[in-house]
PDB file of N, CA and C in Angstrom:
ATOM      1  N   UNK A   1      95.996 -71.197  52.908  1.00  0.00           N
ATOM      2  CA  UNK A   1      97.038 -70.446  52.236  1.00  0.00           C
ATOM      3  C   UNK A   1      96.458 -69.777  50.996  1.00  0.00           C
ATOM      4  N   UNK A   2      96.734 -68.498  50.841  1.00  0.00           N
ATOM      5  CA  UNK A   2      96.180 -67.772  49.711  1.00  0.00           C
ATOM      6  C   UNK A   2      96.950 -68.074  48.432  1.00  0.00           C
ATOM      7  N   UNK A   3      96.233 -67.985  47.323  1.00  0.00           N
ATOM      8  CA  UNK A   3      96.810 -68.199  46.009  1.00  0.00           C
ATOM      9  C   UNK A   3      97.044 -66.843  45.365  1.00  0.00           C
ATOM     10  N   UNK A   4      98.275 -66.581  44.942  1.00  0.00           N
ATOM     11  CA  UNK A   4      98.619 -65.323  44.284  1.00  0.00           C
ATOM     12  C   UNK A   4      99.024 -65.581  42.842  1.00  0.00           C
ATOM     13  N   UNK A   5      98.506 -64.752  41.947  1.00  0.00           N
ATOM     14  CA  UNK A   5      98.875 -64.801  40.537  1.00  0.00           C
ATOM     15  C   UNK A   5      99.324 -63.405  40.132  1.00  0.00           C
ATOM     16  N   UNK A   6     100.434 -63.346  39.416  1.00  0.00           N
ATOM     17  CA  UNK A   6     100.967 -62.082  38.919  1.00  0.00           C
ATOM     18  C   UNK A   6     100.901 -62.111  37.401  1.00  0.00           C
ATOM     19  N   UNK A   7     100.149 -61.173  36.830  1.00  0.00           N
ATOM     20  CA  UNK A   7     100.059 -61.023  35.379  1.00  0.00           C
ATOM     21  C   UNK A   7     100.894 -59.810  35.000  1.00  0.00           C
ATOM     22  N   UNK A   8     101.807 -59.990  34.072  1.00  0.00           N
ATOM     23  CA  UNK A   8     102.668 -58.888  33.674  1.00  0.00           C
ATOM     24  C   UNK A   8     103.337 -59.178  32.352  1.00  0.00           C
ATOM     25  N   UNK A   9     104.413 -58.434  32.093  1.00  0.00           N
ATOM     26  CA  UNK A   9     105.203 -58.643  30.882  1.00  0.00           C
ATOM     27  C   UNK A   9     106.680 -58.584  31.244  1.00  0.00           C
ATOM     28  N   UNK A  10     107.488 -59.192  30.398  1.00  0.00           N
ATOM     29  CA  UNK A  10     108.938 -59.203  30.625  1.00  0.00           C
ATOM     30  C   UNK A  10     109.529 -57.795  30.501  1.00  0.00           C
ATOM     31  N   UNK A  11     108.909 -56.943  29.715  1.00  0.00           N
ATOM     32  CA  UNK A  11     109.463 -55.614  29.471  1.00  0.00           C
ATOM     33  C   UNK A  11     108.981 -54.542  30.455  1.00  0.00           C
ATOM     34  N   UNK A  12     108.040 -54.869  31.317  1.00  0.00           N
ATOM     35  CA  UNK A  12     107.473 -53.881  32.239  1.00  0.00           C
ATOM     36  C   UNK A  12     108.288 -53.817  33.535  1.00  0.00           C
ATOM     37  N   UNK A  13     108.882 -52.666  33.831  1.00  0.00           N
ATOM     38  CA  UNK A  13     109.680 -52.553  35.057  1.00  0.00           C
ATOM     39  C   UNK A  13     108.840 -52.669  36.327  1.00  0.00           C
ATOM     40  N   UNK A  14     107.564 -52.354  36.248  1.00  0.00           N
ATOM     41  CA  UNK A  14     106.705 -52.431  37.428  1.00  0.00           C
ATOM     42  C   UNK A  14     106.341 -53.888  37.734  1.00  0.00           C
ATOM     43  N   UNK A  15     106.228 -54.702  36.693  1.00  0.00           N
ATOM     44  CA  UNK A  15     106.050 -56.141  36.912  1.00  0.00           C
ATOM     45  C   UNK A  15     107.260 -56.685  37.653  1.00  0.00           C
ATOM     46  N   UNK A  16     108.444 -56.271  37.242  1.00  0.00           N
ATOM     47  CA  UNK A  16     109.672 -56.710  37.905  1.00  0.00           C
ATOM     48  C   UNK A  16     109.677 -56.277  39.370  1.00  0.00           C
ATOM     49  N   UNK A  17     109.244 -55.052  39.642  1.00  0.00           N
ATOM     50  CA  UNK A  17     109.220 -54.558  41.017  1.00  0.00           C
ATOM     51  C   UNK A  17     108.241 -55.351  41.884  1.00  0.00           C
ATOM     52  N   UNK A  18     107.065 -55.688  41.357  1.00  0.00           N
ATOM     53  CA  UNK A  18     106.102 -56.480  42.122  1.00  0.00           C
ATOM     54  C   UNK A  18     106.676 -57.871  42.378  1.00  0.00           C
ATOM     55  N   UNK A  19     107.293 -58.463  41.351  1.00  0.00           N
ATOM     56  CA  UNK A  19     107.904 -59.785  41.522  1.00  0.00           C
ATOM     57  C   UNK A  19     108.948 -59.755  42.630  1.00  0.00           C
ATOM     58  N   UNK A  20     109.823 -58.746  42.608  1.00  0.00           N
ATOM     59  CA  UNK A  20     110.859 -58.630  43.634  1.00  0.00           C
ATOM     60  C   UNK A  20     110.253 -58.426  45.018  1.00  0.00           C
ATOM     61  N   UNK A  21     109.175 -57.645  45.109  1.00  0.00           N
ATOM     62  CA  UNK A  21     108.500 -57.399  46.379  1.00  0.00           C
ATOM     63  C   UNK A  21     107.892 -58.696  46.925  1.00  0.00           C
ATOM     64  N   UNK A  22     107.244 -59.465  46.042  1.00  0.00           N
ATOM     65  CA  UNK A  22     106.662 -60.733  46.467  1.00  0.00           C
ATOM     66  C   UNK A  22     107.747 -61.717  46.914  1.00  0.00           C
ATOM     67  N   UNK A  23     108.844 -61.753  46.166  1.00  0.00           N
ATOM     68  CA  UNK A  23     109.950 -62.639  46.545  1.00  0.00           C
ATOM     69  C   UNK A  23     110.563 -62.202  47.875  1.00  0.00           C
ATOM     70  N   UNK A  24     110.726 -60.911  48.092  1.00  0.00           N
ATOM     71  CA  UNK A  24     111.277 -60.391  49.341  1.00  0.00           C
ATOM     72  C   UNK A  24     110.394 -60.774  50.524  1.00  0.00           C
ATOM     73  N   UNK A  25     109.073 -60.766  50.294  1.00  0.00           N
ATOM     74  CA  UNK A  25     108.122 -61.150  51.338  1.00  0.00           C
ATOM     75  C   UNK A  25     107.962 -62.669  51.445  1.00  0.00           C
ATOM     76  N   UNK A  26     108.670 -63.392  50.584  1.00  0.00           N
ATOM     77  CA  UNK A  26     108.638 -64.863  50.542  1.00  0.00           C
ATOM     78  C   UNK A  26     107.235 -65.410  50.281  1.00  0.00           C
ATOM     79  N   UNK A  27     106.540 -64.750  49.384  1.00  0.00           N
ATOM     80  CA  UNK A  27     105.204 -65.191  48.980  1.00  0.00           C
ATOM     81  C   UNK A  27     105.335 -66.192  47.832  1.00  0.00           C
ATOM     82  N   UNK A  28     104.523 -67.222  47.884  1.00  0.00           N
ATOM     83  CA  UNK A  28     104.421 -68.137  46.758  1.00  0.00           C
ATOM     84  C   UNK A  28     103.442 -67.534  45.764  1.00  0.00           C
ATOM     85  N   UNK A  29     103.836 -67.504  44.495  1.00  0.00           N
ATOM     86  CA  UNK A  29     102.961 -66.952  43.465  1.00  0.00           C
ATOM     87  C   UNK A  29     103.279 -67.600  42.131  1.00  0.00           C
ATOM     88  N   UNK A  30     102.315 -67.487  41.221  1.00  0.00           N
ATOM     89  CA  UNK A  30     102.479 -67.951  39.847  1.00  0.00           C
ATOM     90  C   UNK A  30     102.491 -66.711  38.973  1.00  0.00           C
ATOM     91  N   UNK A  31     103.462 -66.644  38.064  1.00  0.00           N
ATOM     92  CA  UNK A  31     103.577 -65.474  37.191  1.00  0.00           C
ATOM     93  C   UNK A  31     103.239 -65.849  35.756  1.00  0.00           C
ATOM     94  N   UNK A  32     102.498 -64.959  35.103  1.00  0.00           N
ATOM     95  CA  UNK A  32     102.111 -65.147  33.708  1.00  0.00           C
ATOM     96  C   UNK A  32     102.562 -63.942  32.899  1.00  0.00           C
ATOM     97  N   UNK A  33     103.177 -64.189  31.741  1.00  0.00           N
ATOM     98  CA  UNK A  33     103.560 -63.131  30.812  1.00  0.00           C
ATOM     99  C   UNK A  33     102.457 -63.017  29.770  1.00  0.00           C
ATOM    100  N   UNK A  34     101.668 -61.963  29.854  1.00  0.00           N
ATOM    101  CA  UNK A  34     100.489 -61.832  28.999  1.00  0.00           C
ATOM    102  C   UNK A  34     100.827 -61.458  27.561  1.00  0.00           C
ATOM    103  N   UNK A  35     102.084 -61.112  27.290  1.00  0.00           N
ATOM    104  CA  UNK A  35     102.478 -60.831  25.899  1.00  0.00           C
ATOM    105  C   UNK A  35     102.731 -62.119  25.119  1.00  0.00           C
ATOM    106  N   UNK A  36     102.993 -63.215  25.817  1.00  0.00           N
ATOM    107  CA  UNK A  36     103.292 -64.470  25.117  1.00  0.00           C
ATOM    108  C   UNK A  36     102.290 -65.580  25.425  1.00  0.00           C
ATOM    109  N   UNK A  37     101.437 -65.385  26.404  1.00  0.00           N
ATOM    110  CA  UNK A  37     100.477 -66.411  26.819  1.00  0.00           C
ATOM    111  C   UNK A  37      99.053 -65.907  26.570  1.00  0.00           C
ATOM    112  N   UNK A  38      98.432 -66.324  25.442  1.00  0.00           N
ATOM    113  CA  UNK A  38      97.101 -65.804  25.107  1.00  0.00           C
ATOM    114  C   UNK A  38      96.032 -66.131  26.143  1.00  0.00           C
ATOM    115  N   UNK A  39      96.103 -67.303  26.762  1.00  0.00           N
ATOM    116  CA  UNK A  39      95.109 -67.660  27.772  1.00  0.00           C
ATOM    117  C   UNK A  39      95.235 -66.778  29.009  1.00  0.00           C
ATOM    118  N   UNK A  40      96.476 -66.499  29.411  1.00  0.00           N
ATOM    119  CA  UNK A  40      96.702 -65.614  30.556  1.00  0.00           C
ATOM    120  C   UNK A  40      96.219 -64.204  30.236  1.00  0.00           C
ATOM    121  N   UNK A  41      96.444 -63.754  29.008  1.00  0.00           N
ATOM    122  CA  UNK A  41      95.974 -62.430  28.596  1.00  0.00           C
ATOM    123  C   UNK A  41      94.458 -62.352  28.714  1.00  0.00           C
ATOM    124  N   UNK A  42      93.758 -63.390  28.251  1.00  0.00           N
ATOM    125  CA  UNK A  42      92.299 -63.410  28.329  1.00  0.00           C
ATOM    126  C   UNK A  42      91.815 -63.434  29.776  1.00  0.00           C
ATOM    127  N   UNK A  43      92.465 -64.224  30.633  1.00  0.00           N
ATOM    128  CA  UNK A  43      92.080 -64.276  32.054  1.00  0.00           C
ATOM    129  C   UNK A  43      92.277 -62.912  32.714  1.00  0.00           C
ATOM    130  N   UNK A  44      93.407 -62.253  32.401  1.00  0.00           N
ATOM    131  CA  UNK A  44      93.673 -60.939  32.980  1.00  0.00           C
ATOM    132  C   UNK A  44      92.601 -59.935  32.541  1.00  0.00           C
ATOM    133  N   UNK A  45      92.287 -59.920  31.252  1.00  0.00           N
ATOM    134  CA  UNK A  45      91.277 -58.985  30.740  1.00  0.00           C
ATOM    135  C   UNK A  45      89.903 -59.261  31.351  1.00  0.00           C
ATOM    136  N   UNK A  46      89.567 -60.529  31.510  1.00  0.00           N
ATOM    137  CA  UNK A  46      88.275 -60.888  32.117  1.00  0.00           C
ATOM    138  C   UNK A  46      88.228 -60.435  33.574  1.00  0.00           C
ATOM    139  N   UNK A  47      89.327 -60.616  34.285  1.00  0.00           N
ATOM    140  CA  UNK A  47      89.362 -60.263  35.714  1.00  0.00           C
ATOM    141  C   UNK A  47      89.313 -58.759  35.931  1.00  0.00           C
ATOM    142  N   UNK A  48      89.885 -57.982  35.003  1.00  0.00           N
ATOM    143  CA  UNK A  48      89.993 -56.533  35.187  1.00  0.00           C
ATOM    144  C   UNK A  48      88.952 -55.754  34.391  1.00  0.00           C
ATOM    145  N   UNK A  49      88.002 -56.443  33.791  1.00  0.00           N
ATOM    146  CA  UNK A  49      86.987 -55.738  33.003  1.00  0.00           C
ATOM    147  C   UNK A  49      87.534 -55.180  31.706  1.00  0.00           C
ATOM    148  N   UNK A  50      88.544 -55.838  31.150  1.00  0.00           N
ATOM    149  CA  UNK A  50      89.107 -55.423  29.870  1.00  0.00           C
ATOM    150  C   UNK A  50      90.313 -54.509  29.956  1.00  0.00           C
ATOM    151  N   UNK A  51      90.729 -54.182  31.160  1.00  0.00           N
ATOM    152  CA  UNK A  51      91.911 -53.312  31.300  1.00  0.00           C
ATOM    153  C   UNK A  51      93.153 -54.039  30.822  1.00  0.00           C
ATOM    154  N   UNK A  52      94.067 -53.295  30.230  1.00  0.00           N
ATOM    155  CA  UNK A  52      95.296 -53.861  29.686  1.00  0.00           C
ATOM    156  C   UNK A  52      96.531 -53.328  30.403  1.00  0.00           C
ATOM    157  N   UNK A  53      96.353 -52.857  31.609  1.00  0.00           N
ATOM    158  CA  UNK A  53      97.470 -52.335  32.396  1.00  0.00           C
ATOM    159  C   UNK A  53      98.056 -53.459  33.236  1.00  0.00           C
ATOM    160  N   UNK A  54      99.377 -53.576  33.200  1.00  0.00           N
ATOM    161  CA  UNK A  54     100.091 -54.543  34.034  1.00  0.00           C
ATOM    162  C   UNK A  54     101.043 -53.781  34.940  1.00  0.00           C
ATOM    163  N   UNK A  55     101.423 -54.335  36.046  1.00  0.00           N
ATOM    164  CA  UNK A  55     101.112 -55.660  36.544  1.00  0.00           C
ATOM    165  C   UNK A  55      99.727 -55.726  37.171  1.00  0.00           C
ATOM    166  N   UNK A  56      99.203 -56.959  37.206  1.00  0.00           N
ATOM    167  CA  UNK A  56      97.942 -57.245  37.886  1.00  0.00           C
ATOM    168  C   UNK A  56      98.225 -58.354  38.890  1.00  0.00           C
ATOM    169  N   UNK A  57      97.869 -58.109  40.127  1.00  0.00           N
ATOM    170  CA  UNK A  57      98.031 -59.104  41.178  1.00  0.00           C
ATOM    171  C   UNK A  57      96.649 -59.619  41.551  1.00  0.00           C
ATOM    172  N   UNK A  58      96.467 -60.935  41.440  1.00  0.00           N
ATOM    173  CA  UNK A  58      95.193 -61.581  41.747  1.00  0.00           C
ATOM    174  C   UNK A  58      95.402 -62.465  42.969  1.00  0.00           C
ATOM    175  N   UNK A  59      94.557 -62.255  43.965  1.00  0.00           N
ATOM    176  CA  UNK A  59      94.636 -63.026  45.207  1.00  0.00           C
ATOM    177  C   UNK A  59      93.350 -63.822  45.379  1.00  0.00           C
ATOM    178  N   UNK A  60      93.494 -65.133  45.428  1.00  0.00           N
ATOM    179  CA  UNK A  60      92.342 -66.032  45.585  1.00  0.00           C
ATOM    180  C   UNK A  60      91.242 -65.738  44.571  1.00  0.00           C
ATOM    181  N   UNK A  61      91.636 -65.510  43.316  1.00  0.00           N
ATOM    182  CA  UNK A  61      90.668 -65.297  42.241  1.00  0.00           C
ATOM    183  C   UNK A  61      90.107 -63.895  42.123  1.00  0.00           C
ATOM    184  N   UNK A  62      90.539 -62.973  42.985  1.00  0.00           N
ATOM    185  CA  UNK A  62      90.041 -61.591  42.937  1.00  0.00           C
ATOM    186  C   UNK A  62      91.201 -60.631  42.698  1.00  0.00           C
ATOM    187  N   UNK A  63      90.938 -59.613  41.900  1.00  0.00           N
ATOM    188  CA  UNK A  63      91.978 -58.623  41.622  1.00  0.00           C
ATOM    189  C   UNK A  63      92.284 -57.862  42.906  1.00  0.00           C
ATOM    190  N   UNK A  64      93.521 -57.934  43.336  1.00  0.00           N
ATOM    191  CA  UNK A  64      93.955 -57.233  44.535  1.00  0.00           C
ATOM    192  C   UNK A  64      94.613 -55.905  44.183  1.00  0.00           C
ATOM    193  N   UNK A  65      95.204 -55.845  42.978  1.00  0.00           N
ATOM    194  CA  UNK A  65      95.946 -54.640  42.617  1.00  0.00           C
ATOM    195  C   UNK A  65      96.182 -54.603  41.117  1.00  0.00           C
ATOM    196  N   UNK A  66      96.029 -53.414  40.544  1.00  0.00           N
ATOM    197  CA  UNK A  66      96.390 -53.177  39.149  1.00  0.00           C
ATOM    198  C   UNK A  66      97.431 -52.073  39.166  1.00  0.00           C
ATOM    199  N   UNK A  67      98.570 -52.329  38.549  1.00  0.00           N
ATOM    200  CA  UNK A  67      99.678 -51.384  38.572  1.00  0.00           C
ATOM    201  C   UNK A  67     100.500 -51.558  39.841  1.00  0.00           C
ATOM    202  N   UNK A  68     101.481 -50.688  39.996  1.00  0.00           N
ATOM    203  CA  UNK A  68     102.367 -50.745  41.151  1.00  0.00           C
ATOM    204  C   UNK A  68     102.695 -49.323  41.570  1.00  0.00           C
ATOM    205  N   UNK A  69     102.269 -48.954  42.752  1.00  0.00           N
ATOM    206  CA  UNK A  69     102.505 -47.619  43.305  1.00  0.00           C
ATOM    207  C   UNK A  69     102.059 -46.521  42.345  1.00  0.00           C
ATOM    208  N   UNK A  70     100.878 -46.733  41.773  1.00  0.00           N
ATOM    209  CA  UNK A  70     100.283 -45.739  40.878  1.00  0.00           C
ATOM    210  C   UNK A  70     100.819 -45.753  39.470  1.00  0.00           C
ATOM    211  N   UNK A  71     101.651 -46.736  39.136  1.00  0.00           N
ATOM    212  CA  UNK A  71     102.241 -46.798  37.798  1.00  0.00           C
ATOM    213  C   UNK A  71     101.966 -48.157  37.177  1.00  0.00           C
ATOM    214  N   UNK A  72     102.029 -48.217  35.866  1.00  0.00           N
ATOM    215  CA  UNK A  72     101.843 -49.479  35.173  1.00  0.00           C
ATOM    216  C   UNK A  72     102.228 -49.332  33.723  1.00  0.00           C
ATOM    217  N   UNK A  73     102.249 -50.442  33.034  1.00  0.00           N
ATOM    218  CA  UNK A  73     102.530 -50.481  31.603  1.00  0.00           C
ATOM    219  C   UNK A  73     101.269 -50.956  30.891  1.00  0.00           C
ATOM    220  N   UNK A  74     101.007 -50.422  29.723  1.00  0.00           N
ATOM    221  CA  UNK A  74      99.840 -50.809  28.944  1.00  0.00           C
ATOM    222  C   UNK A  74     100.274 -51.834  27.904  1.00  0.00           C
ATOM    223  N   UNK A  75      99.559 -52.949  27.860  1.00  0.00           N
ATOM    224  CA  UNK A  75      99.802 -53.969  26.863  1.00  0.00           C
ATOM    225  C   UNK A  75      98.999 -53.564  25.635  1.00  0.00           C
ATOM    226  N   UNK A  76      99.694 -53.217  24.564  1.00  0.00           N
ATOM    227  CA  UNK A  76      99.031 -52.688  23.375  1.00  0.00           C
ATOM    228  C   UNK A  76      98.068 -53.697  22.747  1.00  0.00           C
ATOM    229  N   UNK A  77      98.482 -54.948  22.716  1.00  0.00           N
ATOM    230  CA  UNK A  77      97.614 -55.988  22.176  1.00  0.00           C
ATOM    231  C   UNK A  77      98.063 -57.334  22.717  1.00  0.00           C
ATOM    232  N   UNK A  78      97.139 -58.239  22.730  1.00  0.00           N
ATOM    233  CA  UNK A  78      97.436 -59.558  23.254  1.00  0.00           C
ATOM    234  C   UNK A  78      98.117 -60.430  22.223  1.00  0.00           C
ATOM    235  N   UNK A  79      98.617 -61.577  22.633  1.00  0.00           N
ATOM    236  CA  UNK A  79      99.251 -62.508  21.701  1.00  0.00           C
ATOM    237  C   UNK A  79      98.261 -62.949  20.632  1.00  0.00           C
ATOM    238  N   UNK A  80      98.680 -62.909  19.405  1.00  0.00           N
ATOM    239  CA  UNK A  80      97.829 -63.366  18.315  1.00  0.00           C
ATOM    240  C   UNK A  80      96.809 -62.364  17.826  1.00  0.00           C
ATOM    241  N   UNK A  81      96.770 -61.166  18.420  1.00  0.00           N
ATOM    242  CA  UNK A  81      95.789 -60.152  17.954  1.00  0.00           C
ATOM    243  C   UNK A  81      96.301 -59.433  16.738  1.00  0.00           C
TER     244      UNK A  81
END
């Protein structure tokens, strides 16, 4: 069974759309809000080479997708920056 992680923010409508899509497909996933979770923010930046665009979908430790249908939100700064 594959492991899915969704990195996003509460204010990003595209994060919401990916979450709804995953739920509709009945996928099990773990979601992280990178605006409030500094460790998740660091993991997302490390996985994407420093990109700050959300949502980010990680499948089995590899970035599967950045953004949603060509759109995304930019996280201006991480928690505590």
